[in-house]
């Protein structure tokens, strides 16, 4: 049988390894970090002796011991019939691994976030398989003309993050690397935007306009954003939401939504497979990442209203209009950034922008009721500031 006619294995990345699915067999094959490295090198076409040399360098072990480990792993996989298949793509939606000159089976990807095209070079394919699934919704259709190059490397059991050859992070664990990677990419893209303000908020669109949900950790904004996404809204970002200076519109920076344990049971009905998603750790707390669909990187969104969510267990769902002065106080408390040093012209422009946007406090316990309330705000004509003043 020609190799191209053989069935393909399907590979799923985990935070610390890989899972293999063999066609026609109702069983998963789980590989730890060491086995994943061996598998990835073998799938890349490297001979066992080269794999053993690389393994010895990565884990600082004797080459003969590494050779025995490689031989044992290959023998086990051959006995299970795993080597009789084509080596499949990483699921979901992986892009091809490319080989760079002078680099043995190095992998890279080109991505776009807002108007920024950037490249990430992964020091070894296993890093691509681990990190790329978190970034797949940013994959660039046009890979020419990237503006900066990030690089991730592994040194023993720790990781490094570089930008254009300059080290930005070193000695990090895999979880620290992931958190820092997502933050630094979004931060870099944000700096390329001529912004008037940057909200610590989530933003969701209905096709014509968007709602901004500012709030600090624990306010329920990310849980609400995840539920709104599942209900049909377009996800524009969480944590970092820049407001353009030139048109007063939101620029999407849609990083993965970081879901904390308290939101897992609340979102289980919306995301039935959530309990099977990989668990990472951020600041010592277990989290799961929700990878959103891709969004148009060329588009900015007019803001219909600002909604400050407050999750109150056992409380009723209420929507309270608030004055612009109160909204500004809440925005500052939620770590909204304005250009520094403060300039009267920019502050004036931001205050004028805010004065034209209705703002509300949404108190909720029932997530479905909160989603319906936000949907009503977006689908119905919002209050003008004058009309809102009559309500206060």
Protein backbone atom coordinates (compact mmCIF):
# COMPACT_ATOMS: atom_id res chain seq x y z
CA UNK A 1 0.00 0.00 0.00
CA UNK A 2 1.31 3.44 -0.96
CA UNK A 3 2.00 5.66 2.05
CA UNK A 4 -0.49 8.25 0.86
CA UNK A 5 -3.24 5.60 0.91
CA UNK A 6 -2.66 4.59 4.51
CA UNK A 7 -5.08 5.83 7.20
CA UNK A 8 -3.90 8.80 9.26
CA UNK A 9 -3.43 9.01 12.97
CA UNK A 10 -4.98 12.04 14.64
CA UNK A 11 -2.91 13.87 17.24
CA UNK A 12 -4.33 16.04 20.05
CA UNK A 13 -2.03 18.31 22.09
CA UNK A 14 -2.21 18.36 25.88
CA UNK A 15 -0.47 20.77 28.20
CA UNK A 16 2.21 18.19 29.01
CA UNK A 17 2.04 15.71 26.15
CA UNK A 18 0.10 14.31 23.23
CA UNK A 19 -2.89 12.04 22.70
CA UNK A 20 -3.03 9.75 19.64
CA UNK A 21 -6.23 8.44 18.09
CA UNK A 22 -5.83 5.37 15.89
CA UNK A 23 -8.53 4.98 13.19
CA UNK A 24 -10.94 2.16 13.89
CA UNK A 25 -9.77 1.64 17.47
CA UNK A 26 -11.84 2.90 20.41
CA UNK A 27 -8.82 3.68 22.50
CA UNK A 28 -6.62 6.70 23.05
CA UNK A 29 -2.85 6.51 23.35
CA UNK A 30 -1.46 9.03 25.82
CA UNK A 31 2.16 10.20 25.55
CA UNK A 32 3.91 12.11 28.31
CA UNK A 33 6.32 14.96 27.58
CA UNK A 34 9.33 12.71 26.89
CA UNK A 35 7.38 10.32 24.69
CA UNK A 36 5.84 13.30 22.87
CA UNK A 37 9.30 14.58 21.99
CA UNK A 38 10.32 11.18 20.64
CA UNK A 39 7.08 10.84 18.68
CA UNK A 40 7.35 14.31 17.17
CA UNK A 41 10.95 13.80 16.09
CA UNK A 42 10.16 10.39 14.58
CA UNK A 43 7.11 11.79 12.78
CA UNK A 44 9.36 14.51 11.36
CA UNK A 45 11.49 11.82 9.71
CA UNK A 46 14.50 11.90 12.03
CA UNK A 47 16.44 8.62 12.48
CA UNK A 48 16.49 7.00 15.96
CA UNK A 49 20.14 7.93 16.54
CA UNK A 50 19.43 11.64 15.95
CA UNK A 51 16.33 11.46 18.14
CA UNK A 52 18.42 9.95 20.95
CA UNK A 53 21.03 12.71 20.63
CA UNK A 54 18.35 15.41 20.81
CA UNK A 55 16.68 13.68 23.77
CA UNK A 56 19.98 13.50 25.65
CA UNK A 57 20.57 17.22 25.10
CA UNK A 58 17.06 18.22 26.17
CA UNK A 59 17.02 16.27 29.41
CA UNK A 60 20.77 16.19 30.19
CA UNK A 61 21.01 12.40 30.22
CA UNK A 62 23.57 9.99 28.80
CA UNK A 63 23.26 9.32 25.08
CA UNK A 64 23.20 5.53 25.56
CA UNK A 65 20.31 5.87 28.05
CA UNK A 66 18.47 8.12 25.61
CA UNK A 67 19.08 5.54 22.87
CA UNK A 68 17.51 2.81 24.99
CA UNK A 69 14.51 5.05 25.77
CA UNK A 70 13.98 5.78 22.09
CA UNK A 71 14.29 2.13 21.13
CA UNK A 72 11.81 1.09 23.83
CA UNK A 73 9.27 3.71 22.79
CA UNK A 74 9.48 2.78 19.10
CA UNK A 75 9.16 -0.91 19.91
CA UNK A 76 6.05 -0.27 22.02
CA UNK A 77 4.45 1.83 19.28
CA UNK A 78 5.30 -0.73 16.61
CA UNK A 79 3.69 -3.44 18.75
CA UNK A 80 0.55 -1.31 19.05
CA UNK A 81 0.49 -0.80 15.28
CA UNK A 82 0.89 2.98 15.58
CA UNK A 83 3.81 3.11 13.16
CA UNK A 84 1.73 1.48 10.42
CA UNK A 85 -0.22 4.69 9.88
CA UNK A 86 0.55 8.05 8.34
CA UNK A 87 1.45 10.61 10.94
CA UNK A 88 -1.63 12.82 11.07
CA UNK A 89 -2.00 16.54 11.61
CA UNK A 90 -2.38 18.02 15.04
CA UNK A 91 -6.06 18.60 15.80
CA UNK A 92 -7.68 21.08 15.67
CA UNK A 93 -6.88 23.11 12.56
CA UNK A 94 -3.11 22.86 12.56
CA UNK A 95 -1.11 24.53 9.82
CA UNK A 96 1.82 22.71 8.20
CA UNK A 97 5.14 22.53 10.00
CA UNK A 98 7.87 24.26 8.03
CA UNK A 99 11.60 23.65 8.12
CA UNK A 100 13.86 26.65 8.42
CA UNK A 101 17.46 26.68 7.14
CA UNK A 102 19.94 25.72 9.82
CA UNK A 103 17.21 24.45 12.12
CA UNK A 104 16.35 20.79 12.49
CA UNK A 105 12.58 20.36 11.99
CA UNK A 106 11.85 23.80 13.43
CA UNK A 107 8.22 24.89 13.23
CA UNK A 108 6.78 28.33 12.76
CA UNK A 109 3.44 30.03 12.24
CA UNK A 110 2.38 33.41 10.90
CA UNK A 111 -0.54 35.12 12.62
CA UNK A 112 -2.51 38.35 12.43
CA UNK A 113 -4.05 40.28 15.30
CA UNK A 114 -5.79 43.54 14.36
CA UNK A 115 -3.44 45.20 11.87
CA UNK A 116 -0.34 43.39 13.10
CA UNK A 117 1.14 40.41 11.26
CA UNK A 118 3.71 38.51 13.29
CA UNK A 119 5.65 35.28 13.13
CA UNK A 120 6.31 32.81 15.93
CA UNK A 121 9.24 30.45 15.60
CA UNK A 122 8.95 27.37 17.79
CA UNK A 123 12.27 25.90 18.83
CA UNK A 124 10.96 22.40 18.25
CA UNK A 125 7.78 20.89 16.79
CA UNK A 126 6.44 19.78 20.16
CA UNK A 127 6.23 23.43 21.20
CA UNK A 128 4.25 24.19 18.07
CA UNK A 129 1.89 21.32 18.86
CA UNK A 130 1.42 22.62 22.41
CA UNK A 131 1.08 26.36 21.74
CA UNK A 132 -0.36 26.76 18.25
CA UNK A 133 -3.86 25.44 19.15
CA UNK A 134 -4.22 28.42 21.51
CA UNK A 135 -3.48 30.79 18.62
CA UNK A 136 -5.18 29.09 15.69
CA UNK A 137 -7.92 31.74 15.42
CA UNK A 138 -5.15 34.28 14.62
CA UNK A 139 -3.64 32.36 11.68
CA UNK A 140 -2.87 34.82 8.87
CA UNK A 141 -4.24 34.20 5.38
CA UNK A 142 -1.51 36.37 3.92
CA UNK A 143 1.82 35.38 5.46
CA UNK A 144 3.94 38.06 3.77
CA UNK A 145 5.28 41.16 5.45
CA UNK A 146 5.22 40.22 9.14
CA UNK A 147 6.26 43.06 11.43
CA UNK A 148 7.99 41.17 14.22
CA UNK A 149 9.23 37.69 15.07
CA UNK A 150 8.66 35.99 18.39
CA UNK A 151 10.56 32.85 19.29
CA UNK A 152 9.99 30.28 22.00
CA UNK A 153 12.77 27.96 23.13
CA UNK A 154 13.17 25.23 25.67
CA UNK A 155 16.25 25.01 27.85
CA UNK A 156 16.06 21.81 29.85
CA UNK A 157 12.76 21.95 31.72
CA UNK A 158 12.32 25.74 31.40
CA UNK A 159 11.24 28.00 28.55
CA UNK A 160 12.37 31.28 27.02
CA UNK A 161 10.46 33.88 24.98
CA UNK A 162 12.28 36.19 22.57
CA UNK A 163 11.19 39.04 20.31
CA UNK A 164 13.39 39.92 17.34
CA UNK A 165 16.33 38.23 19.02
CA UNK A 166 15.89 39.97 22.38
CA UNK A 167 15.07 37.78 25.41
CA UNK A 168 11.84 38.90 27.09
CA UNK A 169 11.23 35.94 29.40
CA UNK A 170 13.49 33.23 30.74
CA UNK A 171 13.38 30.30 33.15
CA UNK A 172 9.61 30.03 32.83
CA UNK A 173 7.41 26.98 33.33
CA UNK A 174 5.13 25.97 30.48
CA UNK A 175 2.11 27.57 32.15
CA UNK A 176 4.06 30.79 32.79
CA UNK A 177 5.17 30.76 29.16
CA UNK A 178 1.59 30.41 27.89
CA UNK A 179 0.25 33.24 30.04
CA UNK A 180 3.16 35.51 29.17
CA UNK A 181 2.95 34.63 25.46
CA UNK A 182 -0.73 35.56 25.21
CA UNK A 183 -0.24 38.76 27.20
CA UNK A 184 2.82 39.93 25.26
CA UNK A 185 1.28 39.29 21.84
CA UNK A 186 -1.90 41.20 22.68
CA UNK A 187 0.13 43.98 24.29
CA UNK A 188 2.35 44.31 21.21
CA UNK A 189 -0.66 44.43 18.84
CA UNK A 190 -2.35 47.01 21.07
CA UNK A 191 0.71 49.27 20.91
CA UNK A 192 0.40 49.37 17.11
CA UNK A 193 -3.09 50.92 17.38
CA UNK A 194 -3.58 54.70 17.75
CA UNK A 195 -5.73 54.36 20.86
CA UNK A 196 -7.59 56.90 22.91
CA UNK A 197 -8.24 54.48 25.79
CA UNK A 198 -7.72 50.80 26.60
CA UNK A 199 -10.46 49.14 28.61
CA UNK A 200 -9.99 46.19 30.93
CA UNK A 201 -13.14 44.65 29.53
CA UNK A 202 -14.76 42.12 27.28
CA UNK A 203 -16.48 43.16 24.06
CA UNK A 204 -19.14 41.37 22.00
CA UNK A 205 -20.71 42.37 18.69
CA UNK A 206 -24.11 41.79 17.12
CA UNK A 207 -23.03 42.45 13.54
CA UNK A 208 -23.66 46.21 13.57
CA UNK A 209 -22.31 47.42 16.91
CA UNK A 210 -20.86 46.08 20.11
CA UNK A 211 -21.29 46.16 23.87
CA UNK A 212 -18.29 46.70 26.15
CA UNK A 213 -18.26 44.85 29.50
CA UNK A 214 -15.65 46.49 31.77
CA UNK A 215 -14.80 44.84 35.05
CA UNK A 216 -12.09 43.53 37.32
CA UNK A 217 -11.44 39.89 38.14
CA UNK A 218 -14.44 38.31 39.84
CA UNK A 219 -17.04 40.59 38.24
CA UNK A 220 -18.34 37.83 35.97
CA UNK A 221 -17.42 39.56 32.71
CA UNK A 222 -15.50 36.62 31.19
CA UNK A 223 -18.22 34.12 32.09
CA UNK A 224 -20.83 36.41 30.59
CA UNK A 225 -18.68 36.95 27.49
CA UNK A 226 -18.34 33.19 26.99
CA UNK A 227 -22.10 32.74 27.27
CA UNK A 228 -22.75 35.61 24.84
CA UNK A 229 -20.30 34.07 22.37
CA UNK A 230 -22.10 30.73 22.52
CA UNK A 231 -25.46 32.45 22.06
CA UNK A 232 -24.41 33.93 18.72
CA UNK A 233 -22.57 37.16 19.45
CA UNK A 234 -19.19 37.85 17.85
CA UNK A 235 -16.37 37.80 20.36
CA UNK A 236 -14.06 40.82 20.06
CA UNK A 237 -11.82 40.29 23.06
CA UNK A 238 -11.39 40.06 26.79
CA UNK A 239 -8.98 41.85 29.14
CA UNK A 240 -7.59 44.33 26.55
CA UNK A 241 -10.06 46.40 24.48
CA UNK A 242 -8.56 49.43 22.67
CA UNK A 243 -10.67 52.40 21.61
CA UNK A 244 -9.35 54.05 18.45
CA UNK A 245 -8.50 57.72 18.67
CA UNK A 246 -9.53 58.53 15.09
CA UNK A 247 -13.04 57.03 14.94
CA UNK A 248 -14.03 56.21 18.54
CA UNK A 249 -14.54 52.53 17.70
CA UNK A 250 -13.36 49.29 19.28
CA UNK A 251 -10.54 47.28 17.68
CA UNK A 252 -10.89 43.50 18.23
CA UNK A 253 -8.01 41.83 20.09
CA UNK A 254 -9.66 38.43 20.62
CA UNK A 255 -7.33 36.43 22.83
CA UNK A 256 -8.51 33.10 24.24
CA UNK A 257 -10.98 33.47 27.11
CA UNK A 258 -9.41 32.36 30.37
CA UNK A 259 -12.07 30.45 32.32
CA UNK A 260 -11.57 30.00 36.06
CA UNK A 261 -12.97 27.00 37.99
CA UNK A 262 -15.98 28.95 39.28
CA UNK A 263 -17.24 29.43 35.73
CA UNK A 264 -16.85 25.78 34.64
CA UNK A 265 -20.14 24.45 36.08
CA UNK A 266 -21.97 27.66 35.09
CA UNK A 267 -20.87 27.28 31.45
CA UNK A 268 -21.28 23.49 31.27
CA UNK A 269 -24.67 23.75 29.56
CA UNK A 270 -23.26 26.11 26.92
CA UNK A 271 -20.07 24.09 26.40
CA UNK A 272 -20.80 20.40 27.06
CA UNK A 273 -17.21 19.32 26.34
CA UNK A 274 -15.67 21.90 28.67
CA UNK A 275 -14.73 19.34 31.30
CA UNK A 276 -12.49 17.58 28.75
CA UNK A 277 -10.49 20.72 27.86
CA UNK A 278 -6.86 20.86 29.03
CA UNK A 279 -6.22 22.47 32.39
CA UNK A 280 -3.46 25.07 32.68
CA UNK A 281 -2.36 27.15 35.64
CA UNK A 282 -2.27 30.94 35.80
CA UNK A 283 -0.99 32.62 38.94
CA UNK A 284 -1.30 29.29 40.75
CA UNK A 285 -4.96 28.82 39.80
CA UNK A 286 -6.25 26.15 37.39
CA UNK A 287 -7.82 27.61 34.25
CA UNK A 288 -9.16 26.44 30.91
CA UNK A 289 -8.88 28.42 27.67
CA UNK A 290 -11.84 28.90 25.36
CA UNK A 291 -10.58 29.36 21.80
CA UNK A 292 -12.99 31.64 19.91
CA UNK A 293 -13.75 31.65 16.18
CA UNK A 294 -11.74 33.95 13.93
CA UNK A 295 -12.94 37.52 13.48
CA UNK A 296 -12.30 40.12 10.78
CA UNK A 297 -8.94 41.73 11.69
CA UNK A 298 -9.61 44.74 9.45
CA UNK A 299 -12.82 45.86 11.11
CA UNK A 300 -13.46 48.21 14.02
CA UNK A 301 -16.77 48.35 15.87
CA UNK A 302 -18.98 51.24 17.06
CA UNK A 303 -19.93 50.94 20.73
CA UNK A 304 -23.65 50.78 21.48
CA UNK A 305 -23.31 50.88 25.26
CA UNK A 306 -21.18 50.04 28.28
CA UNK A 307 -22.41 47.38 30.70
CA UNK A 308 -20.66 46.82 34.03
CA UNK A 309 -21.44 43.21 35.06
CA UNK A 310 -21.75 42.22 38.69
CA UNK A 311 -22.19 38.56 39.46
CA UNK A 312 -24.14 38.30 42.73
CA UNK A 313 -25.00 34.74 43.82
CA UNK A 314 -28.67 34.52 44.68
CA UNK A 315 -29.41 38.02 43.40
CA UNK A 316 -32.07 39.04 40.91
CA UNK A 317 -31.17 40.11 37.38
CA UNK A 318 -31.36 43.91 37.23
CA UNK A 319 -30.20 46.51 34.72
CA UNK A 320 -29.60 49.95 36.21
CA UNK A 321 -28.78 52.99 34.02
CA UNK A 322 -25.95 55.10 35.41
CA UNK A 323 -24.72 58.61 34.68
CA UNK A 324 -21.55 59.27 32.68
CA UNK A 325 -19.74 60.47 35.82
CA UNK A 326 -20.49 57.20 37.58
CA UNK A 327 -19.46 55.24 34.49
CA UNK A 328 -16.14 57.09 34.39
CA UNK A 329 -15.49 56.30 38.05
CA UNK A 330 -16.19 52.61 37.39
CA UNK A 331 -13.95 52.62 34.32
CA UNK A 332 -11.06 54.05 36.31
CA UNK A 333 -11.65 51.49 39.06
CA UNK A 334 -11.55 48.76 36.38
CA UNK A 335 -8.02 49.80 35.31
CA UNK A 336 -8.91 51.71 32.14
CA UNK A 337 -5.78 53.19 30.57
CA UNK A 338 -5.52 56.67 29.06
CA UNK A 339 -2.44 57.92 27.18
CA UNK A 340 0.32 59.09 29.52
CA UNK A 341 1.12 61.78 30.35
CA UNK A 342 -2.45 62.97 30.37
CA UNK A 343 -3.14 65.67 27.79
CA UNK A 344 -6.21 67.94 27.93
CA UNK A 345 -7.13 67.33 24.29
CA UNK A 346 -7.17 63.53 24.68
CA UNK A 347 -9.00 63.61 28.00
CA UNK A 348 -11.57 65.95 26.47
CA UNK A 349 -12.06 63.61 23.51
CA UNK A 350 -12.52 60.60 25.78
CA UNK A 351 -14.96 62.36 28.11
CA UNK A 352 -16.98 63.55 25.09
CA UNK A 353 -17.02 59.98 23.70
CA UNK A 354 -18.17 58.56 27.03
CA UNK A 355 -20.87 61.20 27.38
CA UNK A 356 -22.53 59.93 24.20
CA UNK A 357 -22.67 56.27 25.31
CA UNK A 358 -25.38 54.87 27.62
CA UNK A 359 -23.97 52.93 30.55
CA UNK A 360 -25.55 50.37 32.86
CA UNK A 361 -24.84 48.14 35.83
CA UNK A 362 -25.99 44.58 35.17
CA UNK A 363 -26.46 42.58 38.36
CA UNK A 364 -27.08 38.90 37.75
CA UNK A 365 -27.03 35.40 39.13
CA UNK A 366 -28.80 33.59 36.27
CA UNK A 367 -26.53 33.53 33.23
CA UNK A 368 -29.37 32.99 30.73
CA UNK A 369 -31.18 36.05 32.06
CA UNK A 370 -28.00 38.12 31.79
CA UNK A 371 -27.51 37.04 28.16
CA UNK A 372 -31.12 37.93 27.35
CA UNK A 373 -30.69 41.34 28.97
CA UNK A 374 -27.57 42.18 26.95
CA UNK A 375 -29.24 40.90 23.79
CA UNK A 376 -32.13 43.26 24.45
CA UNK A 377 -29.76 46.21 24.76
CA UNK A 378 -28.08 45.46 21.46
CA UNK A 379 -31.12 44.47 19.45
CA UNK A 380 -33.28 47.36 20.64
CA UNK A 381 -32.61 51.06 20.24
CA UNK A 382 -30.44 52.14 23.14
CA UNK A 383 -31.22 55.17 25.28
CA UNK A 384 -29.61 58.42 24.26
CA UNK A 385 -27.76 60.23 27.05
CA UNK A 386 -30.60 62.79 27.23
CA UNK A 387 -33.20 60.06 27.59
CA UNK A 388 -31.05 58.36 30.21
CA UNK A 389 -30.86 61.61 32.17
CA UNK A 390 -34.62 61.61 32.52
CA UNK A 391 -34.43 58.18 34.17
CA UNK A 392 -31.91 59.20 36.82
